[in-house]
Amino acid sequence: MFESARAYSILPASDLERAVRYWKDTFDLDPVMTDETGVLFEVGGARVLVYETQFAGTAQNTAFGIDTDDLDAAMTELRSRGVAFADYDMPGLKTVDGIADLDGERSAWFTDSEGNIIAIGQRT
């Protein structure tokens, strides 16, 4: 049924221009498409549609995840671009310097300019 389909994530933005600048400045990405529905970016073969809505930033869950081969290097680069990583201390999840060591993966979380929670991780 979906053999030739392409999946994508959808992220809300309360200020679409600000969100586009964030994606360009933070991830060095140019839009692959812009139309009346929003702005489409491509990250590692995955597509992300950023669209304008008043409900941006209301979700309290991870909205998008990126796997990397070198979490430490990715975090260093993102920090140099102004990204602040979240620290958590709750049952089942504790971060140290922004990193959680999970079963088989190291992960970190941050919010984009619109309040969406983004995860980056490295499988160990």
PDB file of N, CA and C in Angstrom:
ATOM      1  N   MET A   1       0.818  -1.198   0.000  1.00  0.00           N
ATOM      2  CA  MET A   1       0.000   0.000   0.000  1.00  0.00           C
ATOM      3  C   MET A   1       0.864   1.266   0.000  1.00  0.00           C
ATOM      4  N   PHE A   2       1.941   1.296   0.809  1.00  0.00           N
ATOM      5  CA  PHE A   2       2.771   2.493   0.905  1.00  0.00           C
ATOM      6  C   PHE A   2       4.175   2.270   0.349  1.00  0.00           C
ATOM      7  N   GLU A   3       4.333   1.346  -0.567  1.00  0.00           N
ATOM      8  CA  GLU A   3       5.655   0.990  -1.085  1.00  0.00           C
ATOM      9  C   GLU A   3       6.406   2.184  -1.669  1.00  0.00           C
ATOM     10  N   SER A   4       5.728   3.091  -2.310  1.00  0.00           N
ATOM     11  CA  SER A   4       6.393   4.238  -2.924  1.00  0.00           C
ATOM     12  C   SER A   4       6.087   5.547  -2.192  1.00  0.00           C
ATOM     13  N   ALA A   5       5.520   5.440  -1.010  1.00  0.00           N
ATOM     14  CA  ALA A   5       5.146   6.637  -0.249  1.00  0.00           C
ATOM     15  C   ALA A   5       6.369   7.270   0.417  1.00  0.00           C
ATOM     16  N   ARG A   6       6.266   8.545   0.745  1.00  0.00           N
ATOM     17  CA  ARG A   6       7.284   9.263   1.519  1.00  0.00           C
ATOM     18  C   ARG A   6       6.582   9.849   2.731  1.00  0.00           C
ATOM     19  N   ALA A   7       7.074   9.539   3.894  1.00  0.00           N
ATOM     20  CA  ALA A   7       6.483  10.061   5.123  1.00  0.00           C
ATOM     21  C   ALA A   7       7.142  11.389   5.488  1.00  0.00           C
ATOM     22  N   TYR A   8       6.441  12.205   6.256  1.00  0.00           N
ATOM     23  CA  TYR A   8       7.003  13.466   6.715  1.00  0.00           C
ATOM     24  C   TYR A   8       6.385  13.854   8.050  1.00  0.00           C
ATOM     25  N   SER A   9       7.108  14.672   8.777  1.00  0.00           N
ATOM     26  CA  SER A   9       6.613  15.215  10.039  1.00  0.00           C
ATOM     27  C   SER A   9       5.988  16.572   9.775  1.00  0.00           C
ATOM     28  N   ILE A  10       5.120  16.977  10.667  1.00  0.00           N
ATOM     29  CA  ILE A  10       4.484  18.287  10.570  1.00  0.00           C
ATOM     30  C   ILE A  10       4.712  19.004  11.892  1.00  0.00           C
ATOM     31  N   LEU A  11       5.321  20.184  11.814  1.00  0.00           N
ATOM     32  CA  LEU A  11       5.597  20.976  13.013  1.00  0.00           C
ATOM     33  C   LEU A  11       4.907  22.326  12.916  1.00  0.00           C
ATOM     34  N   PRO A  12       4.195  22.706  13.973  1.00  0.00           N
ATOM     35  CA  PRO A  12       3.509  23.994  13.961  1.00  0.00           C
ATOM     36  C   PRO A  12       4.443  25.153  14.284  1.00  0.00           C
ATOM     37  N   ALA A  13       4.092  26.328  13.774  1.00  0.00           N
ATOM     38  CA  ALA A  13       4.854  27.548  14.048  1.00  0.00           C
ATOM     39  C   ALA A  13       3.868  28.689  14.265  1.00  0.00           C
ATOM     40  N   SER A  14       4.058  29.446  15.329  1.00  0.00           N
ATOM     41  CA  SER A  14       3.205  30.622  15.517  1.00  0.00           C
ATOM     42  C   SER A  14       3.691  31.779  14.665  1.00  0.00           C
ATOM     43  N   ASP A  15       4.972  31.754  14.282  1.00  0.00           N
ATOM     44  CA  ASP A  15       5.568  32.762  13.405  1.00  0.00           C
ATOM     45  C   ASP A  15       6.383  32.015  12.354  1.00  0.00           C
ATOM     46  N   LEU A  16       5.812  31.838  11.183  1.00  0.00           N
ATOM     47  CA  LEU A  16       6.436  31.020  10.149  1.00  0.00           C
ATOM     48  C   LEU A  16       7.772  31.596   9.692  1.00  0.00           C
ATOM     49  N   GLU A  17       7.869  32.903   9.545  1.00  0.00           N
ATOM     50  CA  GLU A  17       9.149  33.502   9.132  1.00  0.00           C
ATOM     51  C   GLU A  17      10.241  33.224  10.150  1.00  0.00           C
ATOM     52  N   ARG A  18       9.922  33.351  11.438  1.00  0.00           N
ATOM     53  CA  ARG A  18      10.899  33.065  12.496  1.00  0.00           C
ATOM     54  C   ARG A  18      11.315  31.593  12.455  1.00  0.00           C
ATOM     55  N   ALA A  19      10.341  30.707  12.260  1.00  0.00           N
ATOM     56  CA  ALA A  19      10.630  29.271  12.209  1.00  0.00           C
ATOM     57  C   ALA A  19      11.530  28.933  11.027  1.00  0.00           C
ATOM     58  N   VAL A  20      11.283  29.520   9.880  1.00  0.00           N
ATOM     59  CA  VAL A  20      12.116  29.266   8.707  1.00  0.00           C
ATOM     60  C   VAL A  20      13.537  29.747   8.965  1.00  0.00           C
ATOM     61  N   ARG A  21      13.688  30.933   9.545  1.00  0.00           N
ATOM     62  CA  ARG A  21      15.032  31.428   9.894  1.00  0.00           C
ATOM     63  C   ARG A  21      15.722  30.465  10.854  1.00  0.00           C
ATOM     64  N   TYR A  22      14.986  29.946  11.848  1.00  0.00           N
ATOM     65  CA  TYR A  22      15.546  29.008  12.821  1.00  0.00           C
ATOM     66  C   TYR A  22      16.071  27.761  12.110  1.00  0.00           C
ATOM     67  N   TRP A  23      15.273  27.170  11.244  1.00  0.00           N
ATOM     68  CA  TRP A  23      15.692  25.958  10.539  1.00  0.00           C
ATOM     69  C   TRP A  23      16.891  26.227   9.648  1.00  0.00           C
ATOM     70  N   LYS A  24      16.926  27.381   9.015  1.00  0.00           N
ATOM     71  CA  LYS A  24      18.069  27.732   8.161  1.00  0.00           C
ATOM     72  C   LYS A  24      19.315  27.978   9.007  1.00  0.00           C
ATOM     73  N   ASP A  25      19.191  28.766  10.056  1.00  0.00           N
ATOM     74  CA  ASP A  25      20.344  29.137  10.878  1.00  0.00           C
ATOM     75  C   ASP A  25      20.848  27.995  11.745  1.00  0.00           C
ATOM     76  N   THR A  26      19.950  27.215  12.303  1.00  0.00           N
ATOM     77  CA  THR A  26      20.329  26.153  13.233  1.00  0.00           C
ATOM     78  C   THR A  26      20.809  24.897  12.513  1.00  0.00           C
ATOM     79  N   PHE A  27      20.129  24.522  11.458  1.00  0.00           N
ATOM     80  CA  PHE A  27      20.438  23.265  10.774  1.00  0.00           C
ATOM     81  C   PHE A  27      21.099  23.451   9.404  1.00  0.00           C
ATOM     82  N   ASP A  28      21.346  24.677   8.982  1.00  0.00           N
ATOM     83  CA  ASP A  28      21.921  24.951   7.652  1.00  0.00           C
ATOM     84  C   ASP A  28      21.052  24.373   6.541  1.00  0.00           C
ATOM     85  N   LEU A  29      19.749  24.496   6.666  1.00  0.00           N
ATOM     86  CA  LEU A  29      18.845  23.921   5.676  1.00  0.00           C
ATOM     87  C   LEU A  29      18.102  25.017   4.920  1.00  0.00           C
ATOM     88  N   ASP A  30      17.981  24.816   3.631  1.00  0.00           N
ATOM     89  CA  ASP A  30      17.119  25.659   2.809  1.00  0.00           C
ATOM     90  C   ASP A  30      15.846  24.887   2.539  1.00  0.00           C
ATOM     91  N   PRO A  31      14.721  25.576   2.421  1.00  0.00           N
ATOM     92  CA  PRO A  31      13.472  24.879   2.107  1.00  0.00           C
ATOM     93  C   PRO A  31      13.568  24.148   0.770  1.00  0.00           C
ATOM     94  N   VAL A  32      12.946  22.972   0.711  1.00  0.00           N
ATOM     95  CA  VAL A  32      12.865  22.257  -0.557  1.00  0.00           C
ATOM     96  C   VAL A  32      11.577  22.611  -1.280  1.00  0.00           C
ATOM     97  N   MET A  33      10.631  23.214  -0.540  1.00  0.00           N
ATOM     98  CA  MET A  33       9.374  23.630  -1.143  1.00  0.00           C
ATOM     99  C   MET A  33       8.691  24.628  -0.218  1.00  0.00           C
ATOM    100  N   THR A  34       8.050  25.596  -0.813  1.00  0.00           N
ATOM    101  CA  THR A  34       7.230  26.551  -0.075  1.00  0.00           C
ATOM    102  C   THR A  34       5.927  26.722  -0.846  1.00  0.00           C
ATOM    103  N   ASP A  35       4.808  26.573  -0.146  1.00  0.00           N
ATOM    104  CA  ASP A  35       3.514  26.830  -0.774  1.00  0.00           C
ATOM    105  C   ASP A  35       2.536  27.304   0.293  1.00  0.00           C
ATOM    106  N   GLU A  36       1.260  27.324  -0.032  1.00  0.00           N
ATOM    107  CA  GLU A  36       0.258  27.850   0.904  1.00  0.00           C
ATOM    108  C   GLU A  36       0.109  27.002   2.162  1.00  0.00           C
ATOM    109  N   THR A  37       0.579  25.754   2.147  1.00  0.00           N
ATOM    110  CA  THR A  37       0.460  24.913   3.333  1.00  0.00           C
ATOM    111  C   THR A  37       1.599  25.145   4.326  1.00  0.00           C
ATOM    112  N   GLY A  38       2.746  25.638   3.845  1.00  0.00           N
ATOM    113  CA  GLY A  38       3.868  25.876   4.733  1.00  0.00           C
ATOM    114  C   GLY A  38       5.192  25.742   4.003  1.00  0.00           C
ATOM    115  N   VAL A  39       6.232  25.437   4.759  1.00  0.00           N
ATOM    116  CA  VAL A  39       7.583  25.345   4.230  1.00  0.00           C
ATOM    117  C   VAL A  39       8.116  23.953   4.534  1.00  0.00           C
ATOM    118  N   LEU A  40       8.643  23.288   3.517  1.00  0.00           N
ATOM    119  CA  LEU A  40       9.121  21.918   3.650  1.00  0.00           C
ATOM    120  C   LEU A  40      10.646  21.892   3.656  1.00  0.00           C
ATOM    121  N   PHE A  41      11.194  21.206   4.667  1.00  0.00           N
ATOM    122  CA  PHE A  41      12.638  21.009   4.781  1.00  0.00           C
ATOM    123  C   PHE A  41      12.920  19.519   4.680  1.00  0.00           C
ATOM    124  N   GLU A  42      14.152  19.168   4.338  1.00  0.00           N
ATOM    125  CA  GLU A  42      14.559  17.768   4.314  1.00  0.00           C
ATOM    126  C   GLU A  42      15.775  17.594   5.217  1.00  0.00           C
ATOM    127  N   VAL A  43      15.671  16.638   6.143  1.00  0.00           N
ATOM    128  CA  VAL A  43      16.728  16.357   7.109  1.00  0.00           C
ATOM    129  C   VAL A  43      17.063  14.872   7.017  1.00  0.00           C
ATOM    130  N   GLY A  44      18.235  14.546   6.521  1.00  0.00           N
ATOM    131  CA  GLY A  44      18.643  13.143   6.460  1.00  0.00           C
ATOM    132  C   GLY A  44      17.665  12.251   5.743  1.00  0.00           C
ATOM    133  N   GLY A  45      17.023  12.751   4.701  1.00  0.00           N
ATOM    134  CA  GLY A  45      16.055  11.967   3.941  1.00  0.00           C
ATOM    135  C   GLY A  45      14.637  12.061   4.468  1.00  0.00           C
ATOM    136  N   ALA A  46      14.448  12.615   5.665  1.00  0.00           N
ATOM    137  CA  ALA A  46      13.104  12.807   6.216  1.00  0.00           C
ATOM    138  C   ALA A  46      12.646  14.232   5.918  1.00  0.00           C
ATOM    139  N   ARG A  47      11.390  14.381   5.660  1.00  0.00           N
ATOM    140  CA  ARG A  47      10.851  15.706   5.380  1.00  0.00           C
ATOM    141  C   ARG A  47      10.080  16.232   6.588  1.00  0.00           C
ATOM    142  N   VAL A  48      10.167  17.552   6.740  1.00  0.00           N
ATOM    143  CA  VAL A  48       9.481  18.237   7.835  1.00  0.00           C
ATOM    144  C   VAL A  48       8.736  19.415   7.248  1.00  0.00           C
ATOM    145  N   LEU A  49       7.416  19.426   7.402  1.00  0.00           N
ATOM    146  CA  LEU A  49       6.596  20.546   6.974  1.00  0.00           C
ATOM    147  C   LEU A  49       6.371  21.457   8.168  1.00  0.00           C
ATOM    148  N   VAL A  50       6.785  22.699   8.066  1.00  0.00           N
ATOM    149  CA  VAL A  50       6.567  23.693   9.106  1.00  0.00           C
ATOM    150  C   VAL A  50       5.443  24.601   8.606  1.00  0.00           C
ATOM    151  N   TYR A  51       4.379  24.713   9.400  1.00  0.00           N
ATOM    152  CA  TYR A  51       3.227  25.491   8.974  1.00  0.00           C
ATOM    153  C   TYR A  51       2.789  26.420  10.100  1.00  0.00           C
ATOM    154  N   GLU A  52       2.094  27.485   9.738  1.00  0.00           N
ATOM    155  CA  GLU A  52       1.692  28.490  10.720  1.00  0.00           C
ATOM    156  C   GLU A  52       0.341  28.148  11.342  1.00  0.00           C
ATOM    157  N   THR A  53       0.303  28.232  12.678  1.00  0.00           N
ATOM    158  CA  THR A  53      -0.923  27.987  13.435  1.00  0.00           C
ATOM    159  C   THR A  53      -0.799  28.626  14.807  1.00  0.00           C
ATOM    160  N   GLN A  54      -1.917  28.985  15.375  1.00  0.00           N
ATOM    161  CA  GLN A  54      -1.925  29.568  16.721  1.00  0.00           C
ATOM    162  C   GLN A  54      -1.657  28.530  17.813  1.00  0.00           C
ATOM    163  N   PHE A  55      -1.659  27.260  17.475  1.00  0.00           N
ATOM    164  CA  PHE A  55      -1.479  26.203  18.462  1.00  0.00           C
ATOM    165  C   PHE A  55      -0.027  25.739  18.610  1.00  0.00           C
ATOM    166  N   ALA A  56       0.890  26.420  17.975  1.00  0.00           N
ATOM    167  CA  ALA A  56       2.301  26.044  18.051  1.00  0.00           C
ATOM    168  C   ALA A  56       2.800  26.085  19.490  1.00  0.00           C
ATOM    169  N   GLY A  57       3.675  25.142  19.808  1.00  0.00           N
ATOM    170  CA  GLY A  57       4.318  25.118  21.113  1.00  0.00           C
ATOM    171  C   GLY A  57       3.473  24.592  22.246  1.00  0.00           C
ATOM    172  N   THR A  58       2.309  24.040  21.948  1.00  0.00           N
ATOM    173  CA  THR A  58       1.432  23.550  23.020  1.00  0.00           C
ATOM    174  C   THR A  58       1.659  22.078  23.350  1.00  0.00           C
ATOM    175  N   ALA A  59       2.281  21.332  22.456  1.00  0.00           N
ATOM    176  CA  ALA A  59       2.539  19.910  22.716  1.00  0.00           C
ATOM    177  C   ALA A  59       3.682  19.776  23.712  1.00  0.00           C
ATOM    178  N   GLN A  60       3.564  18.847  24.620  1.00  0.00           N
ATOM    179  CA  GLN A  60       4.589  18.621  25.636  1.00  0.00           C
ATOM    180  C   GLN A  60       5.302  17.296  25.408  1.00  0.00           C
ATOM    181  N   ASN A  61       5.393  16.903  24.154  1.00  0.00           N
ATOM    182  CA  ASN A  61       6.048  15.650  23.799  1.00  0.00           C
ATOM    183  C   ASN A  61       7.071  15.906  22.693  1.00  0.00           C
ATOM    184  N   THR A  62       7.940  14.939  22.487  1.00  0.00           N
ATOM    185  CA  THR A  62       8.900  15.045  21.398  1.00  0.00           C
ATOM    186  C   THR A  62       8.142  15.020  20.077  1.00  0.00           C
ATOM    187  N   ALA A  63       8.383  16.032  19.253  1.00  0.00           N
ATOM    188  CA  ALA A  63       7.672  16.162  17.988  1.00  0.00           C
ATOM    189  C   ALA A  63       8.481  15.653  16.803  1.00  0.00           C
ATOM    190  N   PHE A  64       9.808  15.656  16.942  1.00  0.00           N
ATOM    191  CA  PHE A  64      10.677  15.275  15.828  1.00  0.00           C
ATOM    192  C   PHE A  64      11.985  14.762  16.391  1.00  0.00           C
ATOM    193  N   GLY A  65      12.538  13.741  15.770  1.00  0.00           N
ATOM    194  CA  GLY A  65      13.797  13.182  16.232  1.00  0.00           C
ATOM    195  C   GLY A  65      14.784  13.029  15.094  1.00  0.00           C
ATOM    196  N   ILE A  66      16.058  13.208  15.427  1.00  0.00           N
ATOM    197  CA  ILE A  66      17.135  13.067  14.454  1.00  0.00           C
ATOM    198  C   ILE A  66      18.170  12.112  15.037  1.00  0.00           C
ATOM    199  N   ASP A  67      18.501  11.058  14.297  1.00  0.00           N
ATOM    200  CA  ASP A  67      19.578  10.157  14.700  1.00  0.00           C
ATOM    201  C   ASP A  67      20.883  10.665  14.102  1.00  0.00           C
ATOM    202  N   THR A  68      21.954  10.601  14.880  1.00  0.00           N
ATOM    203  CA  THR A  68      23.260  11.040  14.429  1.00  0.00           C
ATOM    204  C   THR A  68      24.305   9.993  14.783  1.00  0.00           C
ATOM    205  N   ASP A  69      25.406  10.014  14.083  1.00  0.00           N
ATOM    206  CA  ASP A  69      26.511   9.104  14.387  1.00  0.00           C
ATOM    207  C   ASP A  69      27.413   9.644  15.485  1.00  0.00           C
ATOM    208  N   ASP A  70      27.314  10.944  15.783  1.00  0.00           N
ATOM    209  CA  ASP A  70      28.179  11.566  16.777  1.00  0.00           C
ATOM    210  C   ASP A  70      27.387  12.605  17.562  1.00  0.00           C
ATOM    211  N   LEU A  71      26.730  12.163  18.617  1.00  0.00           N
ATOM    212  CA  LEU A  71      25.886  13.039  19.420  1.00  0.00           C
ATOM    213  C   LEU A  71      26.682  14.199  20.022  1.00  0.00           C
ATOM    214  N   ASP A  72      27.863  13.913  20.537  1.00  0.00           N
ATOM    215  CA  ASP A  72      28.657  14.968  21.173  1.00  0.00           C
ATOM    216  C   ASP A  72      29.003  16.078  20.182  1.00  0.00           C
ATOM    217  N   ALA A  73      29.418  15.710  18.992  1.00  0.00           N
ATOM    218  CA  ALA A  73      29.759  16.710  17.975  1.00  0.00           C
ATOM    219  C   ALA A  73      28.526  17.493  17.545  1.00  0.00           C
ATOM    220  N   ALA A  74      27.397  16.805  17.384  1.00  0.00           N
ATOM    221  CA  ALA A  74      26.155  17.484  16.996  1.00  0.00           C
ATOM    222  C   ALA A  74      25.728  18.484  18.068  1.00  0.00           C
ATOM    223  N   MET A  75      25.830  18.070  19.340  1.00  0.00           N
ATOM    224  CA  MET A  75      25.443  18.974  20.427  1.00  0.00           C
ATOM    225  C   MET A  75      26.378  20.180  20.500  1.00  0.00           C
ATOM    226  N   THR A  76      27.660  19.951  20.304  1.00  0.00           N
ATOM    227  CA  THR A  76      28.621  21.057  20.323  1.00  0.00           C
ATOM    228  C   THR A  76      28.288  22.066  19.229  1.00  0.00           C
ATOM    229  N   GLU A  77      28.018  21.574  18.030  1.00  0.00           N
ATOM    230  CA  GLU A  77      27.676  22.458  16.905  1.00  0.00           C
ATOM    231  C   GLU A  77      26.367  23.193  17.173  1.00  0.00           C
ATOM    232  N   LEU A  78      25.354  22.478  17.653  1.00  0.00           N
ATOM    233  CA  LEU A  78      24.069  23.122  17.936  1.00  0.00           C
ATOM    234  C   LEU A  78      24.208  24.158  19.045  1.00  0.00           C
ATOM    235  N   ARG A  79      24.971  23.855  20.083  1.00  0.00           N
ATOM    236  CA  ARG A  79      25.197  24.833  21.151  1.00  0.00           C
ATOM    237  C   ARG A  79      25.877  26.090  20.615  1.00  0.00           C
ATOM    238  N   SER A  80      26.802  25.928  19.665  1.00  0.00           N
ATOM    239  CA  SER A  80      27.482  27.091  19.081  1.00  0.00           C
ATOM    240  C   SER A  80      26.507  27.961  18.288  1.00  0.00           C
ATOM    241  N   ARG A  81      25.354  27.395  17.945  1.00  0.00           N
ATOM    242  CA  ARG A  81      24.321  28.129  17.208  1.00  0.00           C
ATOM    243  C   ARG A  81      23.193  28.598  18.125  1.00  0.00           C
ATOM    244  N   GLY A  82      23.422  28.493  19.437  1.00  0.00           N
ATOM    245  CA  GLY A  82      22.460  29.021  20.396  1.00  0.00           C
ATOM    246  C   GLY A  82      21.451  28.050  20.955  1.00  0.00           C
ATOM    247  N   VAL A  83      21.561  26.774  20.616  1.00  0.00           N
ATOM    248  CA  VAL A  83      20.615  25.780  21.129  1.00  0.00           C
ATOM    249  C   VAL A  83      20.935  25.471  22.584  1.00  0.00           C
ATOM    250  N   ALA A  84      19.899  25.475  23.430  1.00  0.00           N
ATOM    251  CA  ALA A  84      20.031  25.089  24.833  1.00  0.00           C
ATOM    252  C   ALA A  84      19.323  23.748  25.017  1.00  0.00           C
ATOM    253  N   PHE A  85      20.045  22.778  25.540  1.00  0.00           N
ATOM    254  CA  PHE A  85      19.476  21.450  25.736  1.00  0.00           C
ATOM    255  C   PHE A  85      18.775  21.362  27.084  1.00  0.00           C
ATOM    256  N   ALA A  86      17.686  20.607  27.103  1.00  0.00           N
ATOM    257  CA  ALA A  86      16.889  20.442  28.315  1.00  0.00           C
ATOM    258  C   ALA A  86      17.562  19.459  29.254  1.00  0.00           C
ATOM    259  N   ASP A  87      17.367  19.674  30.541  1.00  0.00           N
ATOM    260  CA  ASP A  87      17.784  18.706  31.540  1.00  0.00           C
ATOM    261  C   ASP A  87      16.542  18.160  32.219  1.00  0.00           C
ATOM    262  N   TYR A  88      16.501  16.852  32.360  1.00  0.00           N
ATOM    263  CA  TYR A  88      15.369  16.166  32.966  1.00  0.00           C
ATOM    264  C   TYR A  88      15.858  15.337  34.149  1.00  0.00           C
ATOM    265  N   ASP A  89      15.021  15.264  35.163  1.00  0.00           N
ATOM    266  CA  ASP A  89      15.267  14.394  36.305  1.00  0.00           C
ATOM    267  C   ASP A  89      13.916  13.890  36.775  1.00  0.00           C
ATOM    268  N   MET A  90      13.499  12.784  36.211  1.00  0.00           N
ATOM    269  CA  MET A  90      12.202  12.192  36.533  1.00  0.00           C
ATOM    270  C   MET A  90      12.346  10.679  36.498  1.00  0.00           C
ATOM    271  N   PRO A  91      11.400   9.973  37.024  1.00  0.00           N
ATOM    272  CA  PRO A  91      11.504   8.505  36.990  1.00  0.00           C
ATOM    273  C   PRO A  91      11.682   8.002  35.562  1.00  0.00           C
ATOM    274  N   GLY A  92      12.740   7.247  35.339  1.00  0.00           N
ATOM    275  CA  GLY A  92      12.999   6.666  34.043  1.00  0.00           C
ATOM    276  C   GLY A  92      13.777   7.534  33.071  1.00  0.00           C
ATOM    277  N   LEU A  93      14.017   8.795  33.446  1.00  0.00           N
ATOM    278  CA  LEU A  93      14.753   9.685  32.545  1.00  0.00           C
ATOM    279  C   LEU A  93      15.514  10.737  33.335  1.00  0.00           C
ATOM    280  N   LYS A  94      16.830  10.662  33.263  1.00  0.00           N
ATOM    281  CA  LYS A  94      17.688  11.656  33.898  1.00  0.00           C
ATOM    282  C   LYS A  94      18.782  12.024  32.913  1.00  0.00           C
ATOM    283  N   THR A  95      18.969  13.317  32.729  1.00  0.00           N
ATOM    284  CA  THR A  95      20.028  13.779  31.842  1.00  0.00           C
ATOM    285  C   THR A  95      21.192  14.319  32.661  1.00  0.00           C
ATOM    286  N   VAL A  96      22.379  14.205  32.083  1.00  0.00           N
ATOM    287  CA  VAL A  96      23.583  14.794  32.646  1.00  0.00           C
ATOM    288  C   VAL A  96      24.196  15.624  31.525  1.00  0.00           C
ATOM    289  N   ASP A  97      24.330  16.923  31.756  1.00  0.00           N
ATOM    290  CA  ASP A  97      24.803  17.848  30.727  1.00  0.00           C
ATOM    291  C   ASP A  97      23.961  17.714  29.456  1.00  0.00           C
ATOM    292  N   GLY A  98      22.656  17.508  29.638  1.00  0.00           N
ATOM    293  CA  GLY A  98      21.728  17.443  28.521  1.00  0.00           C
ATOM    294  C   GLY A  98      21.570  16.083  27.884  1.00  0.00           C
ATOM    295  N   ILE A  99      22.332  15.078  28.321  1.00  0.00           N
ATOM    296  CA  ILE A  99      22.314  13.763  27.672  1.00  0.00           C
ATOM    297  C   ILE A  99      21.720  12.706  28.602  1.00  0.00           C
ATOM    298  N   ALA A 100      20.811  11.906  28.064  1.00  0.00           N
ATOM    299  CA  ALA A 100      20.268  10.754  28.779  1.00  0.00           C
ATOM    300  C   ALA A 100      20.851   9.489  28.174  1.00  0.00           C
ATOM    301  N   ASP A 101      21.370   8.616  29.012  1.00  0.00           N
ATOM    302  CA  ASP A 101      21.835   7.315  28.563  1.00  0.00           C
ATOM    303  C   ASP A 101      20.679   6.337  28.729  1.00  0.00           C
ATOM    304  N   LEU A 102      20.119   5.931  27.609  1.00  0.00           N
ATOM    305  CA  LEU A 102      18.989   5.014  27.604  1.00  0.00           C
ATOM    306  C   LEU A 102      19.478   3.659  27.129  1.00  0.00           C
ATOM    307  N   ASP A 103      18.633   2.670  27.181  1.00  0.00           N
ATOM    308  CA  ASP A 103      19.011   1.334  26.722  1.00  0.00           C
ATOM    309  C   ASP A 103      19.380   1.376  25.242  1.00  0.00           C
ATOM    310  N   GLY A 104      20.676   1.377  24.944  1.00  0.00           N
ATOM    311  CA  GLY A 104      21.140   1.339  23.575  1.00  0.00           C
ATOM    312  C   GLY A 104      21.151   2.667  22.835  1.00  0.00           C
ATOM    313  N   GLU A 105      20.893   3.760  23.540  1.00  0.00           N
ATOM    314  CA  GLU A 105      20.888   5.058  22.873  1.00  0.00           C
ATOM    315  C   GLU A 105      21.210   6.170  23.860  1.00  0.00           C
ATOM    316  N   ARG A 106      21.949   7.159  23.372  1.00  0.00           N
ATOM    317  CA  ARG A 106      22.174   8.402  24.105  1.00  0.00           C
ATOM    318  C   ARG A 106      21.316   9.454  23.417  1.00  0.00           C
ATOM    319  N   SER A 107      20.557  10.222  24.187  1.00  0.00           N
ATOM    320  CA  SER A 107      19.621  11.182  23.607  1.00  0.00           C
ATOM    321  C   SER A 107      19.692  12.519  24.313  1.00  0.00           C
ATOM    322  N   ALA A 108      19.295  13.562  23.584  1.00  0.00           N
ATOM    323  CA  ALA A 108      19.211  14.913  24.113  1.00  0.00           C
ATOM    324  C   ALA A 108      18.011  15.610  23.471  1.00  0.00           C
ATOM    325  N   TRP A 109      17.450  16.589  24.182  1.00  0.00           N
ATOM    326  CA  TRP A 109      16.257  17.279  23.706  1.00  0.00           C
ATOM    327  C   TRP A 109      16.446  18.785  23.788  1.00  0.00           C
ATOM    328  N   PHE A 110      15.815  19.490  22.864  1.00  0.00           N
ATOM    329  CA  PHE A 110      15.786  20.950  22.878  1.00  0.00           C
ATOM    330  C   PHE A 110      14.506  21.413  22.200  1.00  0.00           C
ATOM    331  N   THR A 111      14.178  22.677  22.379  1.00  0.00           N
ATOM    332  CA  THR A 111      13.003  23.231  21.719  1.00  0.00           C
ATOM    333  C   THR A 111      13.439  24.154  20.595  1.00  0.00           C
ATOM    334  N   ASP A 112      12.652  24.160  19.535  1.00  0.00           N
ATOM    335  CA  ASP A 112      12.930  25.070  18.432  1.00  0.00           C
ATOM    336  C   ASP A 112      12.340  26.448  18.747  1.00  0.00           C
ATOM    337  N   SER A 113      12.398  27.341  17.800  1.00  0.00           N
ATOM    338  CA  SER A 113      11.916  28.710  18.017  1.00  0.00           C
ATOM    339  C   SER A 113      10.427  28.769  18.302  1.00  0.00           C
ATOM    340  N   GLU A 114       9.699  27.709  18.003  1.00  0.00           N
ATOM    341  CA  GLU A 114       8.244  27.688  18.160  1.00  0.00           C
ATOM    342  C   GLU A 114       7.776  26.852  19.350  1.00  0.00           C
ATOM    343  N   GLY A 115       8.727  26.334  20.127  1.00  0.00           N
ATOM    344  CA  GLY A 115       8.377  25.540  21.302  1.00  0.00           C
ATOM    345  C   GLY A 115       8.203  24.060  21.034  1.00  0.00           C
ATOM    346  N   ASN A 116       8.483  23.605  19.815  1.00  0.00           N
ATOM    347  CA  ASN A 116       8.417  22.172  19.503  1.00  0.00           C
ATOM    348  C   ASN A 116       9.633  21.475  20.093  1.00  0.00           C
ATOM    349  N   ILE A 117       9.416  20.319  20.696  1.00  0.00           N
ATOM    350  CA  ILE A 117      10.518  19.560  21.300  1.00  0.00           C
ATOM    351  C   ILE A 117      11.140  18.654  20.246  1.00  0.00           C
ATOM    352  N   ILE A 118      12.446  18.802  20.066  1.00  0.00           N
ATOM    353  CA  ILE A 118      13.193  18.014  19.088  1.00  0.00           C
ATOM    354  C   ILE A 118      14.224  17.174  19.843  1.00  0.00           C
ATOM    355  N   ALA A 119      14.340  15.918  19.455  1.00  0.00           N
ATOM    356  CA  ALA A 119      15.326  15.015  20.064  1.00  0.00           C
ATOM    357  C   ALA A 119      16.417  14.714  19.070  1.00  0.00           C
ATOM    358  N   ILE A 120      17.636  14.591  19.589  1.00  0.00           N
ATOM    359  CA  ILE A 120      18.712  14.031  18.778  1.00  0.00           C
ATOM    360  C   ILE A 120      19.262  12.857  19.563  1.00  0.00           C
ATOM    361  N   GLY A 121      19.666  11.835  18.841  1.00  0.00           N
ATOM    362  CA  GLY A 121      20.140  10.643  19.524  1.00  0.00           C
ATOM    363  C   GLY A 121      21.211   9.917  18.746  1.00  0.00           C
ATOM    364  N   GLN A 122      21.944   9.094  19.475  1.00  0.00           N
ATOM    365  CA  GLN A 122      22.987   8.251  18.883  1.00  0.00           C
ATOM    366  C   GLN A 122      22.806   6.856  19.450  1.00  0.00           C
ATOM    367  N   ARG A 123      22.628   5.900  18.562  1.00  0.00           N
ATOM    368  CA  ARG A 123      22.510   4.505  19.005  1.00  0.00           C
ATOM    369  C   ARG A 123      23.890   4.006  19.402  1.00  0.00           C
ATOM    370  N   THR A 124      23.946   3.301  20.539  1.00  0.00           N
ATOM    371  CA  THR A 124      25.243   2.842  21.039  1.00  0.00           C
ATOM    372  C   THR A 124      25.415   1.350  20.813  1.00  0.00           C
TER     373      THR A 124
END
